[in-house]
Amino acid sequence: MGLGLFLCSGLEVFGFTPILACSIGLPTTLLTCWLVWSQLVNMLTSIESQGMISLDLDSLG
């Protein structure tokens, strides 16, 4: 909730009206939160099935 208000306020600083700022800021915040949450679920599922070795980024190179 705080992140959404922060983004709306930031858009208002650049001259957006409050309604337009909230109509852009809140969906953007919800989309970002959903994407981060889905990535976290994917990582935890990978750890559960393959163990911590699945997150070893040094072995990729």
C-alpha atoms as a PDB file:
ATOM      1  CA  MET A   1       0.000   0.000   0.000  1.00  0.00           C
ATOM      2  CA  GLY A   2       2.810   2.362   0.885  1.00  0.00           C
ATOM      3  CA  LEU A   3       4.652   1.619  -2.331  1.00  0.00           C
ATOM      4  CA  GLY A   4       1.549   2.451  -4.341  1.00  0.00           C
ATOM      5  CA  LEU A   5       1.099   5.764  -2.560  1.00  0.00           C
ATOM      6  CA  PHE A   6       4.770   6.565  -3.050  1.00  0.00           C
ATOM      7  CA  LEU A   7       4.517   5.908  -6.786  1.00  0.00           C
ATOM      8  CA  CYS A   8       1.314   7.948  -7.088  1.00  0.00           C
ATOM      9  CA  SER A   9       2.901  10.853  -5.241  1.00  0.00           C
ATOM     10  CA  GLY A  10       5.969  10.651  -7.433  1.00  0.00           C
ATOM     11  CA  LEU A  11       3.825  10.875 -10.552  1.00  0.00           C
ATOM     12  CA  GLU A  12       1.967  13.849  -9.117  1.00  0.00           C
ATOM     13  CA  VAL A  13       5.276  15.673  -8.667  1.00  0.00           C
ATOM     14  CA  PHE A  14       5.787  15.455 -12.435  1.00  0.00           C
ATOM     15  CA  GLY A  15       2.461  17.154 -13.127  1.00  0.00           C
ATOM     16  CA  PHE A  16      -0.010  14.273 -13.333  1.00  0.00           C
ATOM     17  CA  THR A  17      -3.420  14.861 -11.808  1.00  0.00           C
ATOM     18  CA  PRO A  18      -4.115  12.806  -8.663  1.00  0.00           C
ATOM     19  CA  ILE A  19      -6.674  10.570 -10.407  1.00  0.00           C
ATOM     20  CA  LEU A  20      -4.376   9.910 -13.371  1.00  0.00           C
ATOM     21  CA  ALA A  21      -1.389   9.322 -11.093  1.00  0.00           C
ATOM     22  CA  CYS A  22      -3.312   6.751  -9.050  1.00  0.00           C
ATOM     23  CA  SER A  23      -4.729   5.095 -12.158  1.00  0.00           C
ATOM     24  CA  ILE A  24      -1.165   4.587 -13.422  1.00  0.00           C
ATOM     25  CA  GLY A  25       0.639   4.047 -10.117  1.00  0.00           C
ATOM     26  CA  LEU A  26      -1.582   1.472  -8.444  1.00  0.00           C
ATOM     27  CA  PRO A  27      -1.786  -0.999 -11.365  1.00  0.00           C
ATOM     28  CA  THR A  28       1.959  -0.653 -11.901  1.00  0.00           C
ATOM     29  CA  THR A  29       2.558  -1.406  -8.234  1.00  0.00           C
ATOM     30  CA  LEU A  30       0.226  -4.412  -8.264  1.00  0.00           C
ATOM     31  CA  LEU A  31       1.856  -5.798 -11.420  1.00  0.00           C
ATOM     32  CA  THR A  32       5.329  -5.395  -9.944  1.00  0.00           C
ATOM     33  CA  CYS A  33       4.304  -7.062  -6.674  1.00  0.00           C
ATOM     34  CA  TRP A  34       2.711  -9.961  -8.572  1.00  0.00           C
ATOM     35  CA  LEU A  35       5.832 -10.455 -10.724  1.00  0.00           C
ATOM     36  CA  VAL A  36       8.158 -10.429  -7.686  1.00  0.00           C
ATOM     37  CA  TRP A  37       5.879 -12.838  -5.811  1.00  0.00           C
ATOM     38  CA  SER A  38       5.701 -15.264  -8.748  1.00  0.00           C
ATOM     39  CA  GLN A  39       9.498 -15.204  -9.111  1.00  0.00           C
ATOM     40  CA  LEU A  40       9.877 -15.934  -5.395  1.00  0.00           C
ATOM     41  CA  VAL A  41       7.470 -18.879  -5.682  1.00  0.00           C
ATOM     42  CA  ASN A  42       9.454 -20.222  -8.653  1.00  0.00           C
ATOM     43  CA  MET A  43      12.724 -19.949  -6.728  1.00  0.00           C
ATOM     44  CA  LEU A  44      11.293 -21.664  -3.637  1.00  0.00           C
ATOM     45  CA  THR A  45       9.817 -24.443  -5.784  1.00  0.00           C
ATOM     46  CA  SER A  46      13.200 -24.927  -7.439  1.00  0.00           C
ATOM     47  CA  ILE A  47      14.937 -25.095  -4.057  1.00  0.00           C
ATOM     48  CA  GLU A  48      12.355 -27.579  -2.786  1.00  0.00           C
ATOM     49  CA  SER A  49      12.727 -29.917  -5.754  1.00  0.00           C
ATOM     50  CA  GLN A  50      16.483 -29.638  -6.501  1.00  0.00           C
ATOM     51  CA  GLY A  51      17.981 -28.294  -3.302  1.00  0.00           C
ATOM     52  CA  MET A  52      20.123 -25.212  -2.787  1.00  0.00           C
ATOM     53  CA  ILE A  53      22.456 -26.261  -5.591  1.00  0.00           C
ATOM     54  CA  SER A  54      19.765 -25.064  -8.052  1.00  0.00           C
ATOM     55  CA  LEU A  55      20.592 -21.453  -7.105  1.00  0.00           C
ATOM     56  CA  ASP A  56      24.365 -21.750  -7.547  1.00  0.00           C
ATOM     57  CA  LEU A  57      25.042 -19.002 -10.083  1.00  0.00           C
ATOM     58  CA  ASP A  58      28.814 -19.609 -10.131  1.00  0.00           C
ATOM     59  CA  SER A  59      28.394 -22.939 -11.906  1.00  0.00           C
ATOM     60  CA  LEU A  60      26.511 -21.357 -14.829  1.00  0.00           C
ATOM     61  CA  GLY A  61      29.530 -19.599 -16.319  1.00  0.00           C
END
